Amino acid sequence: MPKTIKNKYYENLTFDKLMEAHKKARKGKGYRKEVIMFNLKQEEYIMYLLEALKNKTYKHGGYKVFYITEPKLRKIEKSRYIDRIVHRWLVLFFGTGSKNSS
């Protein structure tokens, strides 16, 4: 019988879990302006994000598109930092993308 996640969403939607996702999302990116600005008011932003997810009013902010040419021409689509925190929280919530999964 398949597992359901009906009530697990709100159990795993906590300030601490979102803060953990923020810490994982910023790893190796602490020098970027967007991350530095987020860190200045991180508790406020995490609380805003928590309320938006609980109230189901959160919307993904879209992507910023740019190109790089080294070592070859590539199109890059980057989401806002707060959206990357939600992506990271979903990975923690669903347990996907771990190094130990086979």
PDB file of N, CA and C in Angstrom:
ATOM      1  N   MET A   1       0.842  -1.174   0.000  1.00  0.00           N
ATOM      2  CA  MET A   1       0.000   0.000   0.000  1.00  0.00           C
ATOM      3  C   MET A   1       0.891   1.242   0.000  1.00  0.00           C
ATOM      4  N   PRO A   2       0.645   2.198  -0.916  1.00  0.00           N
ATOM      5  CA  PRO A   2       1.502   3.376  -0.989  1.00  0.00           C
ATOM      6  C   PRO A   2       1.336   4.286   0.221  1.00  0.00           C
ATOM      7  N   LYS A   3       2.430   4.970   0.552  1.00  0.00           N
ATOM      8  CA  LYS A   3       2.392   5.919   1.658  1.00  0.00           C
ATOM      9  C   LYS A   3       1.721   7.216   1.203  1.00  0.00           C
ATOM     10  N   THR A   4       1.034   7.873   2.119  1.00  0.00           N
ATOM     11  CA  THR A   4       0.451   9.174   1.815  1.00  0.00           C
ATOM     12  C   THR A   4       1.153  10.234   2.656  1.00  0.00           C
ATOM     13  N   ILE A   5       1.168  11.444   2.144  1.00  0.00           N
ATOM     14  CA  ILE A   5       1.816  12.533   2.868  1.00  0.00           C
ATOM     15  C   ILE A   5       0.794  13.596   3.258  1.00  0.00           C
ATOM     16  N   LYS A   6      -0.430  13.158   3.455  1.00  0.00           N
ATOM     17  CA  LYS A   6      -1.542  14.071   3.706  1.00  0.00           C
ATOM     18  C   LYS A   6      -1.258  15.052   4.840  1.00  0.00           C
ATOM     19  N   ASN A   7      -0.899  14.592   6.002  1.00  0.00           N
ATOM     20  CA  ASN A   7      -0.690  15.466   7.149  1.00  0.00           C
ATOM     21  C   ASN A   7       0.781  15.741   7.430  1.00  0.00           C
ATOM     22  N   LYS A   8       1.683  15.147   6.687  1.00  0.00           N
ATOM     23  CA  LYS A   8       3.112  15.321   6.916  1.00  0.00           C
ATOM     24  C   LYS A   8       3.594  16.698   6.477  1.00  0.00           C
ATOM     25  N   TYR A   9       2.902  17.334   5.536  1.00  0.00           N
ATOM     26  CA  TYR A   9       3.311  18.644   5.030  1.00  0.00           C
ATOM     27  C   TYR A   9       3.438  19.647   6.171  1.00  0.00           C
ATOM     28  N   TYR A  10       2.397  19.772   6.979  1.00  0.00           N
ATOM     29  CA  TYR A  10       2.411  20.759   8.065  1.00  0.00           C
ATOM     30  C   TYR A  10       3.313  20.341   9.219  1.00  0.00           C
ATOM     31  N   GLU A  11       3.510  19.049   9.411  1.00  0.00           N
ATOM     32  CA  GLU A  11       4.436  18.591  10.449  1.00  0.00           C
ATOM     33  C   GLU A  11       5.872  18.985  10.113  1.00  0.00           C
ATOM     34  N   ASN A  12       6.224  18.926   8.840  1.00  0.00           N
ATOM     35  CA  ASN A  12       7.584  19.232   8.408  1.00  0.00           C
ATOM     36  C   ASN A  12       7.785  20.692   8.031  1.00  0.00           C
ATOM     37  N   LEU A  13       6.716  21.461   8.021  1.00  0.00           N
ATOM     38  CA  LEU A  13       6.806  22.882   7.684  1.00  0.00           C
ATOM     39  C   LEU A  13       7.008  23.678   8.966  1.00  0.00           C
ATOM     40  N   THR A  14       8.269  23.799   9.384  1.00  0.00           N
ATOM     41  CA  THR A  14       8.609  24.516  10.611  1.00  0.00           C
ATOM     42  C   THR A  14       9.698  25.539  10.322  1.00  0.00           C
ATOM     43  N   PHE A  15       9.838  26.482  11.234  1.00  0.00           N
ATOM     44  CA  PHE A  15      10.883  27.494  11.115  1.00  0.00           C
ATOM     45  C   PHE A  15      12.251  26.824  11.071  1.00  0.00           C
ATOM     46  N   ASP A  16      12.469  25.844  11.934  1.00  0.00           N
ATOM     47  CA  ASP A  16      13.763  25.166  11.993  1.00  0.00           C
ATOM     48  C   ASP A  16      14.088  24.436  10.696  1.00  0.00           C
ATOM     49  N   LYS A  17      13.101  23.777  10.091  1.00  0.00           N
ATOM     50  CA  LYS A  17      13.331  23.058   8.832  1.00  0.00           C
ATOM     51  C   LYS A  17      13.657  24.032   7.703  1.00  0.00           C
ATOM     52  N   LEU A  18      12.958  25.178   7.678  1.00  0.00           N
ATOM     53  CA  LEU A  18      13.248  26.170   6.648  1.00  0.00           C
ATOM     54  C   LEU A  18      14.619  26.809   6.871  1.00  0.00           C
ATOM     55  N   MET A  19      14.988  27.008   8.128  1.00  0.00           N
ATOM     56  CA  MET A  19      16.313  27.558   8.427  1.00  0.00           C
ATOM     57  C   MET A  19      17.404  26.565   8.011  1.00  0.00           C
ATOM     58  N   GLU A  20      17.154  25.284   8.236  1.00  0.00           N
ATOM     59  CA  GLU A  20      18.101  24.249   7.798  1.00  0.00           C
ATOM     60  C   GLU A  20      18.230  24.254   6.277  1.00  0.00           C
ATOM     61  N   ALA A  21      17.102  24.408   5.577  1.00  0.00           N
ATOM     62  CA  ALA A  21      17.126  24.479   4.116  1.00  0.00           C
ATOM     63  C   ALA A  21      17.890  25.715   3.652  1.00  0.00           C
ATOM     64  N   HIS A  22      17.728  26.833   4.362  1.00  0.00           N
ATOM     65  CA  HIS A  22      18.460  28.062   4.036  1.00  0.00           C
ATOM     66  C   HIS A  22      19.964  27.839   4.185  1.00  0.00           C
ATOM     67  N   LYS A  23      20.364  27.183   5.261  1.00  0.00           N
ATOM     68  CA  LYS A  23      21.791  26.944   5.491  1.00  0.00           C
ATOM     69  C   LYS A  23      22.379  26.036   4.414  1.00  0.00           C
ATOM     70  N   LYS A  24      21.603  25.063   3.960  1.00  0.00           N
ATOM     71  CA  LYS A  24      22.089  24.174   2.904  1.00  0.00           C
ATOM     72  C   LYS A  24      22.101  24.874   1.546  1.00  0.00           C
ATOM     73  N   ALA A  25      21.111  25.745   1.317  1.00  0.00           N
ATOM     74  CA  ALA A  25      21.039  26.445   0.034  1.00  0.00           C
ATOM     75  C   ALA A  25      22.157  27.473  -0.119  1.00  0.00           C
ATOM     76  N   ARG A  26      22.618  28.069   0.973  1.00  0.00           N
ATOM     77  CA  ARG A  26      23.654  29.095   0.892  1.00  0.00           C
ATOM     78  C   ARG A  26      25.067  28.514   0.880  1.00  0.00           C
ATOM     79  N   LYS A  27      25.197  27.225   1.092  1.00  0.00           N
ATOM     80  CA  LYS A  27      26.518  26.603   1.154  1.00  0.00           C
ATOM     81  C   LYS A  27      27.283  26.866  -0.143  1.00  0.00           C
ATOM     82  N   GLY A  28      28.443  27.494   0.004  1.00  0.00           N
ATOM     83  CA  GLY A  28      29.280  27.810  -1.145  1.00  0.00           C
ATOM     84  C   GLY A  28      28.851  29.045  -1.909  1.00  0.00           C
ATOM     85  N   LYS A  29      27.780  29.729  -1.453  1.00  0.00           N
ATOM     86  CA  LYS A  29      27.276  30.903  -2.156  1.00  0.00           C
ATOM     87  C   LYS A  29      27.212  32.129  -1.251  1.00  0.00           C
ATOM     88  N   GLY A  30      27.912  32.084  -0.118  1.00  0.00           N
ATOM     89  CA  GLY A  30      27.828  33.142   0.877  1.00  0.00           C
ATOM     90  C   GLY A  30      28.361  34.483   0.433  1.00  0.00           C
ATOM     91  N   TYR A  31      29.107  34.533  -0.647  1.00  0.00           N
ATOM     92  CA  TYR A  31      29.676  35.780  -1.138  1.00  0.00           C
ATOM     93  C   TYR A  31      28.756  36.498  -2.119  1.00  0.00           C
ATOM     94  N   ARG A  32      27.682  35.875  -2.550  1.00  0.00           N
ATOM     95  CA  ARG A  32      26.787  36.481  -3.535  1.00  0.00           C
ATOM     96  C   ARG A  32      25.882  37.512  -2.882  1.00  0.00           C
ATOM     97  N   LYS A  33      25.627  38.579  -3.601  1.00  0.00           N
ATOM     98  CA  LYS A  33      24.865  39.706  -3.067  1.00  0.00           C
ATOM     99  C   LYS A  33      23.486  39.276  -2.574  1.00  0.00           C
ATOM    100  N   GLU A  34      22.798  38.470  -3.348  1.00  0.00           N
ATOM    101  CA  GLU A  34      21.446  38.031  -2.991  1.00  0.00           C
ATOM    102  C   GLU A  34      21.440  37.265  -1.661  1.00  0.00           C
ATOM    103  N   VAL A  35      22.437  36.445  -1.448  1.00  0.00           N
ATOM    104  CA  VAL A  35      22.539  35.659  -0.209  1.00  0.00           C
ATOM    105  C   VAL A  35      22.912  36.569   0.957  1.00  0.00           C
ATOM    106  N   ILE A  36      23.816  37.498   0.746  1.00  0.00           N
ATOM    107  CA  ILE A  36      24.214  38.436   1.802  1.00  0.00           C
ATOM    108  C   ILE A  36      23.014  39.279   2.229  1.00  0.00           C
ATOM    109  N   MET A  37      22.242  39.780   1.273  1.00  0.00           N
ATOM    110  CA  MET A  37      21.059  40.591   1.602  1.00  0.00           C
ATOM    111  C   MET A  37      20.025  39.757   2.358  1.00  0.00           C
ATOM    112  N   PHE A  38      19.858  38.504   1.979  1.00  0.00           N
ATOM    113  CA  PHE A  38      18.921  37.626   2.677  1.00  0.00           C
ATOM    114  C   PHE A  38      19.384  37.399   4.109  1.00  0.00           C
ATOM    115  N   ASN A  39      20.670  37.203   4.315  1.00  0.00           N
ATOM    116  CA  ASN A  39      21.212  36.922   5.643  1.00  0.00           C
ATOM    117  C   ASN A  39      21.021  38.083   6.609  1.00  0.00           C
ATOM    118  N   LEU A  40      20.954  39.306   6.095  1.00  0.00           N
ATOM    119  CA  LEU A  40      20.778  40.467   6.968  1.00  0.00           C
ATOM    120  C   LEU A  40      19.464  40.413   7.741  1.00  0.00           C
ATOM    121  N   LYS A  41      18.423  39.849   7.125  1.00  0.00           N
ATOM    122  CA  LYS A  41      17.109  39.744   7.771  1.00  0.00           C
ATOM    123  C   LYS A  41      16.569  38.326   7.616  1.00  0.00           C
ATOM    124  N   GLN A  42      17.421  37.345   7.836  1.00  0.00           N
ATOM    125  CA  GLN A  42      17.037  35.968   7.549  1.00  0.00           C
ATOM    126  C   GLN A  42      15.841  35.493   8.362  1.00  0.00           C
ATOM    127  N   GLU A  43      15.742  35.884   9.636  1.00  0.00           N
ATOM    128  CA  GLU A  43      14.608  35.432  10.452  1.00  0.00           C
ATOM    129  C   GLU A  43      13.290  35.977   9.900  1.00  0.00           C
ATOM    130  N   GLU A  44      13.296  37.251   9.473  1.00  0.00           N
ATOM    131  CA  GLU A  44      12.083  37.844   8.913  1.00  0.00           C
ATOM    132  C   GLU A  44      11.682  37.150   7.613  1.00  0.00           C
ATOM    133  N   TYR A  45      12.653  36.906   6.751  1.00  0.00           N
ATOM    134  CA  TYR A  45      12.369  36.249   5.476  1.00  0.00           C
ATOM    135  C   TYR A  45      11.879  34.814   5.676  1.00  0.00           C
ATOM    136  N   ILE A  46      12.475  34.109   6.616  1.00  0.00           N
ATOM    137  CA  ILE A  46      12.046  32.729   6.878  1.00  0.00           C
ATOM    138  C   ILE A  46      10.619  32.728   7.439  1.00  0.00           C
ATOM    139  N   MET A  47      10.305  33.670   8.338  1.00  0.00           N
ATOM    140  CA  MET A  47       8.939  33.759   8.875  1.00  0.00           C
ATOM    141  C   MET A  47       7.939  34.081   7.763  1.00  0.00           C
ATOM    142  N   TYR A  48       8.309  35.011   6.866  1.00  0.00           N
ATOM    143  CA  TYR A  48       7.450  35.336   5.724  1.00  0.00           C
ATOM    144  C   TYR A  48       7.215  34.101   4.863  1.00  0.00           C
ATOM    145  N   LEU A  49       8.281  33.386   4.581  1.00  0.00           N
ATOM    146  CA  LEU A  49       8.186  32.181   3.763  1.00  0.00           C
ATOM    147  C   LEU A  49       7.333  31.115   4.438  1.00  0.00           C
ATOM    148  N   LEU A  50       7.506  30.949   5.741  1.00  0.00           N
ATOM    149  CA  LEU A  50       6.724  29.987   6.510  1.00  0.00           C
ATOM    150  C   LEU A  50       5.240  30.305   6.423  1.00  0.00           C
ATOM    151  N   GLU A  51       4.893  31.567   6.616  1.00  0.00           N
ATOM    152  CA  GLU A  51       3.475  31.974   6.544  1.00  0.00           C
ATOM    153  C   GLU A  51       2.917  31.797   5.133  1.00  0.00           C
ATOM    154  N   ALA A  52       3.703  32.140   4.126  1.00  0.00           N
ATOM    155  CA  ALA A  52       3.249  31.999   2.744  1.00  0.00           C
ATOM    156  C   ALA A  52       3.012  30.529   2.385  1.00  0.00           C
ATOM    157  N   LEU A  53       3.875  29.647   2.862  1.00  0.00           N
ATOM    158  CA  LEU A  53       3.695  28.215   2.587  1.00  0.00           C
ATOM    159  C   LEU A  53       2.508  27.649   3.360  1.00  0.00           C
ATOM    160  N   LYS A  54       2.343  28.077   4.621  1.00  0.00           N
ATOM    161  CA  LYS A  54       1.203  27.604   5.415  1.00  0.00           C
ATOM    162  C   LYS A  54      -0.122  28.063   4.833  1.00  0.00           C
ATOM    163  N   ASN A  55      -0.168  29.334   4.385  1.00  0.00           N
ATOM    164  CA  ASN A  55      -1.407  29.901   3.849  1.00  0.00           C
ATOM    165  C   ASN A  55      -1.630  29.556   2.382  1.00  0.00           C
ATOM    166  N   LYS A  56      -0.680  28.830   1.800  1.00  0.00           N
ATOM    167  CA  LYS A  56      -0.735  28.428   0.393  1.00  0.00           C
ATOM    168  C   LYS A  56      -0.794  29.633  -0.541  1.00  0.00           C
ATOM    169  N   THR A  57      -0.068  30.713  -0.179  1.00  0.00           N
ATOM    170  CA  THR A  57       0.002  31.899  -1.020  1.00  0.00           C
ATOM    171  C   THR A  57       1.365  32.051  -1.675  1.00  0.00           C
ATOM    172  N   TYR A  58       2.282  31.121  -1.420  1.00  0.00           N
ATOM    173  CA  TYR A  58       3.618  31.177  -1.999  1.00  0.00           C
ATOM    174  C   TYR A  58       3.544  30.916  -3.500  1.00  0.00           C
ATOM    175  N   LYS A  59       4.255  31.744  -4.265  1.00  0.00           N
ATOM    176  CA  LYS A  59       4.364  31.535  -5.704  1.00  0.00           C
ATOM    177  C   LYS A  59       5.830  31.646  -6.095  1.00  0.00           C
ATOM    178  N   HIS A  60       6.248  30.770  -6.954  1.00  0.00           N
ATOM    179  CA  HIS A  60       7.624  30.794  -7.451  1.00  0.00           C
ATOM    180  C   HIS A  60       7.823  32.087  -8.232  1.00  0.00           C
ATOM    181  N   GLY A  61       8.960  32.718  -8.045  1.00  0.00           N
ATOM    182  CA  GLY A  61       9.225  34.022  -8.642  1.00  0.00           C
ATOM    183  C   GLY A  61       9.743  34.009 -10.064  1.00  0.00           C
ATOM    184  N   GLY A  62       9.803  32.866 -10.672  1.00  0.00           N
ATOM    185  CA  GLY A  62      10.303  32.799 -12.034  1.00  0.00           C
ATOM    186  C   GLY A  62      11.819  32.665 -12.069  1.00  0.00           C
ATOM    187  N   TYR A  63      12.364  32.785 -13.272  1.00  0.00           N
ATOM    188  CA  TYR A  63      13.787  32.579 -13.469  1.00  0.00           C
ATOM    189  C   TYR A  63      14.429  33.789 -14.134  1.00  0.00           C
ATOM    190  N   LYS A  64      15.670  34.040 -13.780  1.00  0.00           N
ATOM    191  CA  LYS A  64      16.486  35.039 -14.455  1.00  0.00           C
ATOM    192  C   LYS A  64      17.331  34.266 -15.463  1.00  0.00           C
ATOM    193  N   VAL A  65      17.283  34.664 -16.711  1.00  0.00           N
ATOM    194  CA  VAL A  65      17.977  33.947 -17.777  1.00  0.00           C
ATOM    195  C   VAL A  65      19.198  34.757 -18.196  1.00  0.00           C
ATOM    196  N   PHE A  66      20.330  34.066 -18.297  1.00  0.00           N
ATOM    197  CA  PHE A  66      21.546  34.687 -18.803  1.00  0.00           C
ATOM    198  C   PHE A  66      22.391  33.626 -19.476  1.00  0.00           C
ATOM    199  N   TYR A  67      23.383  34.092 -20.210  1.00  0.00           N
ATOM    200  CA  TYR A  67      24.257  33.189 -20.953  1.00  0.00           C
ATOM    201  C   TYR A  67      25.686  33.320 -20.450  1.00  0.00           C
ATOM    202  N   ILE A  68      26.402  32.211 -20.460  1.00  0.00           N
ATOM    203  CA  ILE A  68      27.836  32.236 -20.202  1.00  0.00           C
ATOM    204  C   ILE A  68      28.530  31.680 -21.444  1.00  0.00           C
ATOM    205  N   THR A  69      29.775  32.069 -21.626  1.00  0.00           N
ATOM    206  CA  THR A  69      30.488  31.637 -22.839  1.00  0.00           C
ATOM    207  C   THR A  69      31.689  30.764 -22.547  1.00  0.00           C
ATOM    208  N   GLU A  70      32.070  30.617 -21.295  1.00  0.00           N
ATOM    209  CA  GLU A  70      33.234  29.802 -20.953  1.00  0.00           C
ATOM    210  C   GLU A  70      32.805  28.528 -20.263  1.00  0.00           C
ATOM    211  N   PRO A  71      33.222  27.387 -20.591  1.00  0.00           N
ATOM    212  CA  PRO A  71      34.094  27.033 -21.701  1.00  0.00           C
ATOM    213  C   PRO A  71      33.351  26.971 -23.035  1.00  0.00           C
ATOM    214  N   LYS A  72      32.017  26.990 -22.995  1.00  0.00           N
ATOM    215  CA  LYS A  72      31.232  27.033 -24.234  1.00  0.00           C
ATOM    216  C   LYS A  72      29.964  27.824 -23.938  1.00  0.00           C
ATOM    217  N   LEU A  73      29.233  28.191 -24.971  1.00  0.00           N
ATOM    218  CA  LEU A  73      28.004  28.965 -24.805  1.00  0.00           C
ATOM    219  C   LEU A  73      26.922  28.103 -24.155  1.00  0.00           C
ATOM    220  N   ARG A  74      26.412  28.600 -23.009  1.00  0.00           N
ATOM    221  CA  ARG A  74      25.343  27.887 -22.313  1.00  0.00           C
ATOM    222  C   ARG A  74      24.313  28.875 -21.791  1.00  0.00           C
ATOM    223  N   LYS A  75      23.065  28.450 -21.816  1.00  0.00           N
ATOM    224  CA  LYS A  75      21.968  29.250 -21.270  1.00  0.00           C
ATOM    225  C   LYS A  75      21.751  28.815 -19.816  1.00  0.00           C
ATOM    226  N   ILE A  76      21.731  29.789 -18.893  1.00  0.00           N
ATOM    227  CA  ILE A  76      21.541  29.517 -17.474  1.00  0.00           C
ATOM    228  C   ILE A  76      20.230  30.152 -17.039  1.00  0.00           C
ATOM    229  N   GLU A  77      19.419  29.406 -16.314  1.00  0.00           N
ATOM    230  CA  GLU A  77      18.171  29.914 -15.744  1.00  0.00           C
ATOM    231  C   GLU A  77      18.282  29.798 -14.230  1.00  0.00           C
ATOM    232  N   LYS A  78      18.309  30.950 -13.554  1.00  0.00           N
ATOM    233  CA  LYS A  78      18.534  31.000 -12.117  1.00  0.00           C
ATOM    234  C   LYS A  78      17.265  31.490 -11.423  1.00  0.00           C
ATOM    235  N   SER A  79      16.851  30.767 -10.372  1.00  0.00           N
ATOM    236  CA  SER A  79      15.687  31.205  -9.610  1.00  0.00           C
ATOM    237  C   SER A  79      16.125  32.117  -8.477  1.00  0.00           C
ATOM    238  N   ARG A  80      15.176  32.841  -7.901  1.00  0.00           N
ATOM    239  CA  ARG A  80      15.485  33.710  -6.769  1.00  0.00           C
ATOM    240  C   ARG A  80      15.969  32.851  -5.603  1.00  0.00           C
ATOM    241  N   TYR A  81      16.718  33.472  -4.702  1.00  0.00           N
ATOM    242  CA  TYR A  81      17.287  32.721  -3.581  1.00  0.00           C
ATOM    243  C   TYR A  81      16.195  32.137  -2.685  1.00  0.00           C
ATOM    244  N   ILE A  82      15.135  32.886  -2.435  1.00  0.00           N
ATOM    245  CA  ILE A  82      14.073  32.391  -1.561  1.00  0.00           C
ATOM    246  C   ILE A  82      13.398  31.166  -2.183  1.00  0.00           C
ATOM    247  N   ASP A  83      13.335  31.118  -3.499  1.00  0.00           N
ATOM    248  CA  ASP A  83      12.786  29.940  -4.182  1.00  0.00           C
ATOM    249  C   ASP A  83      13.715  28.745  -4.040  1.00  0.00           C
ATOM    250  N   ARG A  84      15.021  29.001  -4.017  1.00  0.00           N
ATOM    251  CA  ARG A  84      15.976  27.915  -3.827  1.00  0.00           C
ATOM    252  C   ARG A  84      15.875  27.322  -2.426  1.00  0.00           C
ATOM    253  N   ILE A  85      15.491  28.141  -1.449  1.00  0.00           N
ATOM    254  CA  ILE A  85      15.268  27.623  -0.099  1.00  0.00           C
ATOM    255  C   ILE A  85      14.081  26.668  -0.106  1.00  0.00           C
ATOM    256  N   VAL A  86      13.022  27.037  -0.804  1.00  0.00           N
ATOM    257  CA  VAL A  86      11.853  26.152  -0.902  1.00  0.00           C
ATOM    258  C   VAL A  86      12.230  24.856  -1.621  1.00  0.00           C
ATOM    259  N   HIS A  87      13.011  24.958  -2.676  1.00  0.00           N
ATOM    260  CA  HIS A  87      13.455  23.749  -3.390  1.00  0.00           C
ATOM    261  C   HIS A  87      14.235  22.837  -2.446  1.00  0.00           C
ATOM    262  N   ARG A  88      15.134  23.435  -1.658  1.00  0.00           N
ATOM    263  CA  ARG A  88      15.955  22.660  -0.729  1.00  0.00           C
ATOM    264  C   ARG A  88      15.087  22.038   0.362  1.00  0.00           C
ATOM    265  N   TRP A  89      14.076  22.782   0.838  1.00  0.00           N
ATOM    266  CA  TRP A  89      13.173  22.245   1.859  1.00  0.00           C
ATOM    267  C   TRP A  89      12.391  21.054   1.301  1.00  0.00           C
ATOM    268  N   LEU A  90      11.977  21.142   0.048  1.00  0.00           N
ATOM    269  CA  LEU A  90      11.253  20.030  -0.561  1.00  0.00           C
ATOM    270  C   LEU A  90      12.135  18.791  -0.654  1.00  0.00           C
ATOM    271  N   VAL A  91      13.419  18.984  -0.952  1.00  0.00           N
ATOM    272  CA  VAL A  91      14.346  17.852  -0.981  1.00  0.00           C
ATOM    273  C   VAL A  91      14.453  17.236   0.407  1.00  0.00           C
ATOM    274  N   LEU A  92      14.540  18.080   1.438  1.00  0.00           N
ATOM    275  CA  LEU A  92      14.588  17.568   2.812  1.00  0.00           C
ATOM    276  C   LEU A  92      13.279  16.874   3.177  1.00  0.00           C
ATOM    277  N   PHE A  93      12.163  17.459   2.763  1.00  0.00           N
ATOM    278  CA  PHE A  93      10.832  16.940   3.092  1.00  0.00           C
ATOM    279  C   PHE A  93      10.580  15.587   2.438  1.00  0.00           C
ATOM    280  N   PHE A  94      10.861  15.467   1.157  1.00  0.00           N
ATOM    281  CA  PHE A  94      10.602  14.226   0.445  1.00  0.00           C
ATOM    282  C   PHE A  94      11.754  13.243   0.536  1.00  0.00           C
ATOM    283  N   GLY A  95      12.908  13.716   0.976  1.00  0.00           N
ATOM    284  CA  GLY A  95      14.052  12.816   1.137  1.00  0.00           C
ATOM    285  C   GLY A  95      14.649  12.354  -0.172  1.00  0.00           C
ATOM    286  N   THR A  96      14.467  13.130  -1.242  1.00  0.00           N
ATOM    287  CA  THR A  96      15.024  12.756  -2.538  1.00  0.00           C
ATOM    288  C   THR A  96      16.340  13.449  -2.745  1.00  0.00           C
ATOM    289  N   GLY A  97      17.100  12.946  -3.646  1.00  0.00           N
ATOM    290  CA  GLY A  97      18.361  13.574  -4.008  1.00  0.00           C
ATOM    291  C   GLY A  97      19.499  13.308  -3.032  1.00  0.00           C
ATOM    292  N   SER A  98      19.322  12.386  -2.112  1.00  0.00           N
ATOM    293  CA  SER A  98      20.402  12.107  -1.169  1.00  0.00           C
ATOM    294  C   SER A  98      21.495  11.298  -1.850  1.00  0.00           C
ATOM    295  N   LYS A  99      22.698  11.398  -1.330  1.00  0.00           N
ATOM    296  CA  LYS A  99      23.830  10.686  -1.908  1.00  0.00           C
ATOM    297  C   LYS A  99      23.739   9.185  -1.659  1.00  0.00           C
ATOM    298  N   ASN A 100      23.014   8.791  -0.623  1.00  0.00           N
ATOM    299  CA  ASN A 100      22.945   7.380  -0.268  1.00  0.00           C
ATOM    300  C   ASN A 100      21.856   6.606  -1.005  1.00  0.00           C
ATOM    301  N   SER A 101      20.991   7.317  -1.740  1.00  0.00           N
ATOM    302  CA  SER A 101      19.904   6.592  -2.420  1.00  0.00           C
ATOM    303  C   SER A 101      20.453   5.854  -3.618  1.00  0.00           C
ATOM    304  N   SER A 102      19.907   4.687  -3.879  1.00  0.00           N
ATOM    305  CA  SER A 102      20.397   3.859  -4.984  1.00  0.00           C
ATOM    306  C   SER A 102      19.363   3.799  -6.083  1.00  0.00           C
TER     307      SER A 102
END
